Amino acid sequence: DDDTAPAASRKVLEDAFEQSAQNYSHFEETLSAHRAELKRLRNILAQRRPPDALVCSISHEIMADPHMAADGHTYEKEEIERWFAMGKRTSPRTGSELTNTSLFPNYAIKSMIE
């Protein structure tokens, strides 16, 4: 009788250990499959860069409110306004002096983004 309790406990522990090992193995397989899928998706994204015309050269983000400056280039309105607020009067793209700090909405770019 005294030997059955330790044997039963040992069996429960062995079963639990075996189940844990199976769960871990399944987890590793699933994790490996997810990593492979992430790698595949990152490669797709890397190949699908947005056109440069849609990306602000200051923030390097797709623009939400594209505005054209005196240099003829288009920037995110908030970014170019911040550029001017820092006292800069040069083109962020070319470095050349701007004739003015007027901004005009670029509806063509805006419609491409939307």
C-alpha atoms as a PDB file:
ATOM      1  CA  ASP A   1       0.000   0.000   0.000  1.00  0.00           C
ATOM      2  CA  ASP A   2       2.754   2.429   0.916  1.00  0.00           C
ATOM      3  CA  ASP A   3       4.444   1.861  -2.452  1.00  0.00           C
ATOM      4  CA  THR A   4       1.335   2.658  -4.532  1.00  0.00           C
ATOM      5  CA  ALA A   5       1.105   6.318  -3.462  1.00  0.00           C
ATOM      6  CA  PRO A   6       4.662   7.208  -4.575  1.00  0.00           C
ATOM      7  CA  ALA A   7       4.192   5.201  -7.788  1.00  0.00           C
ATOM      8  CA  ALA A   8       0.929   7.012  -8.522  1.00  0.00           C
ATOM      9  CA  SER A   9       2.559  10.386  -7.816  1.00  0.00           C
ATOM     10  CA  ARG A  10       5.450   9.479 -10.055  1.00  0.00           C
ATOM     11  CA  LYS A  11       3.037   8.500 -12.854  1.00  0.00           C
ATOM     12  CA  VAL A  12       1.166  11.824 -12.522  1.00  0.00           C
ATOM     13  CA  LEU A  13       4.458  13.729 -12.692  1.00  0.00           C
ATOM     14  CA  GLU A  14       5.673  11.714 -15.684  1.00  0.00           C
ATOM     15  CA  ASP A  15       2.397  12.306 -17.513  1.00  0.00           C
ATOM     16  CA  ALA A  16       2.525  16.021 -16.733  1.00  0.00           C
ATOM     17  CA  PHE A  17       6.129  16.210 -17.889  1.00  0.00           C
ATOM     18  CA  GLU A  18       5.276  14.377 -21.131  1.00  0.00           C
ATOM     19  CA  GLN A  19       2.336  16.724 -21.799  1.00  0.00           C
ATOM     20  CA  SER A  20       4.536  19.730 -21.072  1.00  0.00           C
ATOM     21  CA  ALA A  21       7.179  18.454 -23.503  1.00  0.00           C
ATOM     22  CA  GLN A  22       4.526  17.988 -26.209  1.00  0.00           C
ATOM     23  CA  ASN A  23       3.130  21.468 -25.584  1.00  0.00           C
ATOM     24  CA  TYR A  24       6.614  22.973 -25.769  1.00  0.00           C
ATOM     25  CA  SER A  25       7.320  21.157 -29.031  1.00  0.00           C
ATOM     26  CA  HIS A  26       4.045  22.431 -30.515  1.00  0.00           C
ATOM     27  CA  PHE A  27       4.849  25.944 -29.294  1.00  0.00           C
ATOM     28  CA  GLU A  28       8.283  25.834 -30.962  1.00  0.00           C
ATOM     29  CA  GLU A  29       6.773  24.647 -34.259  1.00  0.00           C
ATOM     30  CA  THR A  30       4.108  27.360 -34.161  1.00  0.00           C
ATOM     31  CA  LEU A  31       6.647  30.037 -33.270  1.00  0.00           C
ATOM     32  CA  SER A  32       8.903  28.946 -36.111  1.00  0.00           C
ATOM     33  CA  ALA A  33       5.992  29.104 -38.573  1.00  0.00           C
ATOM     34  CA  HIS A  34       5.035  32.587 -37.337  1.00  0.00           C
ATOM     35  CA  ARG A  35       8.618  33.820 -37.685  1.00  0.00           C
ATOM     36  CA  ALA A  36       8.770  32.515 -41.243  1.00  0.00           C
ATOM     37  CA  GLU A  37       5.485  34.278 -42.079  1.00  0.00           C
ATOM     38  CA  LEU A  38       6.739  37.537 -40.552  1.00  0.00           C
ATOM     39  CA  LYS A  39       9.901  37.322 -42.619  1.00  0.00           C
ATOM     40  CA  ARG A  40       7.832  36.712 -45.773  1.00  0.00           C
ATOM     41  CA  LEU A  41       5.563  39.681 -45.021  1.00  0.00           C
ATOM     42  CA  ARG A  42       8.519  41.987 -44.245  1.00  0.00           C
ATOM     43  CA  ASN A  43      10.035  41.100 -47.612  1.00  0.00           C
ATOM     44  CA  ILE A  44       6.757  41.965 -49.340  1.00  0.00           C
ATOM     45  CA  LEU A  45       6.553  45.287 -47.505  1.00  0.00           C
ATOM     46  CA  ALA A  46      10.157  46.129 -48.354  1.00  0.00           C
ATOM     47  CA  GLN A  47       9.359  45.666 -52.036  1.00  0.00           C
ATOM     48  CA  ARG A  48       6.192  47.779 -51.830  1.00  0.00           C
ATOM     49  CA  ARG A  49       7.584  51.162 -50.855  1.00  0.00           C
ATOM     50  CA  PRO A  50       5.242  54.062 -51.491  1.00  0.00           C
ATOM     51  CA  PRO A  51       6.237  56.387 -54.350  1.00  0.00           C
ATOM     52  CA  ASP A  52       8.608  59.159 -53.245  1.00  0.00           C
ATOM     53  CA  ALA A  53       6.056  61.773 -54.334  1.00  0.00           C
ATOM     54  CA  LEU A  54       3.750  60.642 -51.518  1.00  0.00           C
ATOM     55  CA  VAL A  55       6.419  60.751 -48.810  1.00  0.00           C
ATOM     56  CA  CYS A  56       7.436  63.930 -47.001  1.00  0.00           C
ATOM     57  CA  SER A  57      11.191  64.451 -47.320  1.00  0.00           C
ATOM     58  CA  ILE A  58      11.294  65.961 -43.817  1.00  0.00           C
ATOM     59  CA  SER A  59       9.379  63.319 -41.828  1.00  0.00           C
ATOM     60  CA  HIS A  60       9.896  60.401 -44.262  1.00  0.00           C
ATOM     61  CA  GLU A  61       6.243  59.482 -43.704  1.00  0.00           C
ATOM     62  CA  ILE A  62       3.341  59.326 -46.144  1.00  0.00           C
ATOM     63  CA  MET A  63       1.767  62.770 -46.148  1.00  0.00           C
ATOM     64  CA  ALA A  64      -1.748  63.437 -44.867  1.00  0.00           C
ATOM     65  CA  ASP A  65      -1.892  67.158 -45.724  1.00  0.00           C
ATOM     66  CA  PRO A  66       0.530  67.718 -48.638  1.00  0.00           C
ATOM     67  CA  HIS A  67       1.460  71.334 -49.364  1.00  0.00           C
ATOM     68  CA  MET A  68       3.770  72.731 -52.016  1.00  0.00           C
ATOM     69  CA  ALA A  69       6.448  75.234 -51.023  1.00  0.00           C
ATOM     70  CA  ALA A  70       8.200  77.880 -53.155  1.00  0.00           C
ATOM     71  CA  ASP A  71      10.825  75.310 -54.215  1.00  0.00           C
ATOM     72  CA  GLY A  72       8.127  73.367 -56.080  1.00  0.00           C
ATOM     73  CA  HIS A  73       8.423  70.376 -53.760  1.00  0.00           C
ATOM     74  CA  THR A  74       5.616  69.027 -51.637  1.00  0.00           C
ATOM     75  CA  TYR A  75       5.858  68.478 -47.883  1.00  0.00           C
ATOM     76  CA  GLU A  76       3.565  67.551 -45.032  1.00  0.00           C
ATOM     77  CA  LYS A  77       2.090  70.910 -44.037  1.00  0.00           C
ATOM     78  CA  GLU A  78       2.863  70.526 -40.340  1.00  0.00           C
ATOM     79  CA  GLU A  79       6.472  69.537 -41.063  1.00  0.00           C
ATOM     80  CA  ILE A  80       7.270  72.413 -43.427  1.00  0.00           C
ATOM     81  CA  GLU A  81       5.578  74.873 -41.059  1.00  0.00           C
ATOM     82  CA  ARG A  82       7.792  73.546 -38.255  1.00  0.00           C
ATOM     83  CA  TRP A  83      10.804  73.961 -40.586  1.00  0.00           C
ATOM     84  CA  PHE A  84       9.893  77.610 -41.140  1.00  0.00           C
ATOM     85  CA  ALA A  85       9.123  78.151 -37.431  1.00  0.00           C
ATOM     86  CA  MET A  86      12.740  77.172 -36.679  1.00  0.00           C
ATOM     87  CA  GLY A  87      13.806  80.157 -38.773  1.00  0.00           C
ATOM     88  CA  LYS A  88      14.866  78.122 -41.788  1.00  0.00           C
ATOM     89  CA  ARG A  89      14.263  79.751 -45.174  1.00  0.00           C
ATOM     90  CA  THR A  90      15.882  77.107 -47.349  1.00  0.00           C
ATOM     91  CA  SER A  91      14.461  74.186 -49.249  1.00  0.00           C
ATOM     92  CA  PRO A  92      14.561  70.980 -47.201  1.00  0.00           C
ATOM     93  CA  ARG A  93      15.135  69.083 -50.470  1.00  0.00           C
ATOM     94  CA  THR A  94      17.753  71.200 -52.218  1.00  0.00           C
ATOM     95  CA  GLY A  95      19.138  73.530 -49.563  1.00  0.00           C
ATOM     96  CA  SER A  96      18.594  76.531 -51.826  1.00  0.00           C
ATOM     97  CA  GLU A  97      17.170  79.786 -50.495  1.00  0.00           C
ATOM     98  CA  LEU A  98      13.375  80.052 -50.809  1.00  0.00           C
ATOM     99  CA  THR A  99      11.872  83.205 -52.272  1.00  0.00           C
ATOM    100  CA  ASN A 100       8.970  83.028 -49.791  1.00  0.00           C
ATOM    101  CA  THR A 101       7.359  80.769 -47.195  1.00  0.00           C
ATOM    102  CA  SER A 102       3.948  80.520 -48.855  1.00  0.00           C
ATOM    103  CA  LEU A 103       2.353  77.081 -48.914  1.00  0.00           C
ATOM    104  CA  PHE A 104      -0.299  75.770 -51.268  1.00  0.00           C
ATOM    105  CA  PRO A 105      -2.319  72.564 -50.907  1.00  0.00           C
ATOM    106  CA  ASN A 106      -1.258  69.920 -53.401  1.00  0.00           C
ATOM    107  CA  TYR A 107      -4.614  68.386 -54.300  1.00  0.00           C
ATOM    108  CA  ALA A 108      -3.133  66.032 -56.901  1.00  0.00           C
ATOM    109  CA  ILE A 109      -0.870  64.387 -54.326  1.00  0.00           C
ATOM    110  CA  LYS A 110      -3.686  64.415 -51.765  1.00  0.00           C
ATOM    111  CA  SER A 111      -5.979  62.500 -54.144  1.00  0.00           C
ATOM    112  CA  MET A 112      -3.222  59.944 -54.847  1.00  0.00           C
ATOM    113  CA  ILE A 113      -2.776  59.357 -51.123  1.00  0.00           C
ATOM    114  CA  GLU A 114      -6.489  58.968 -50.463  1.00  0.00           C
END
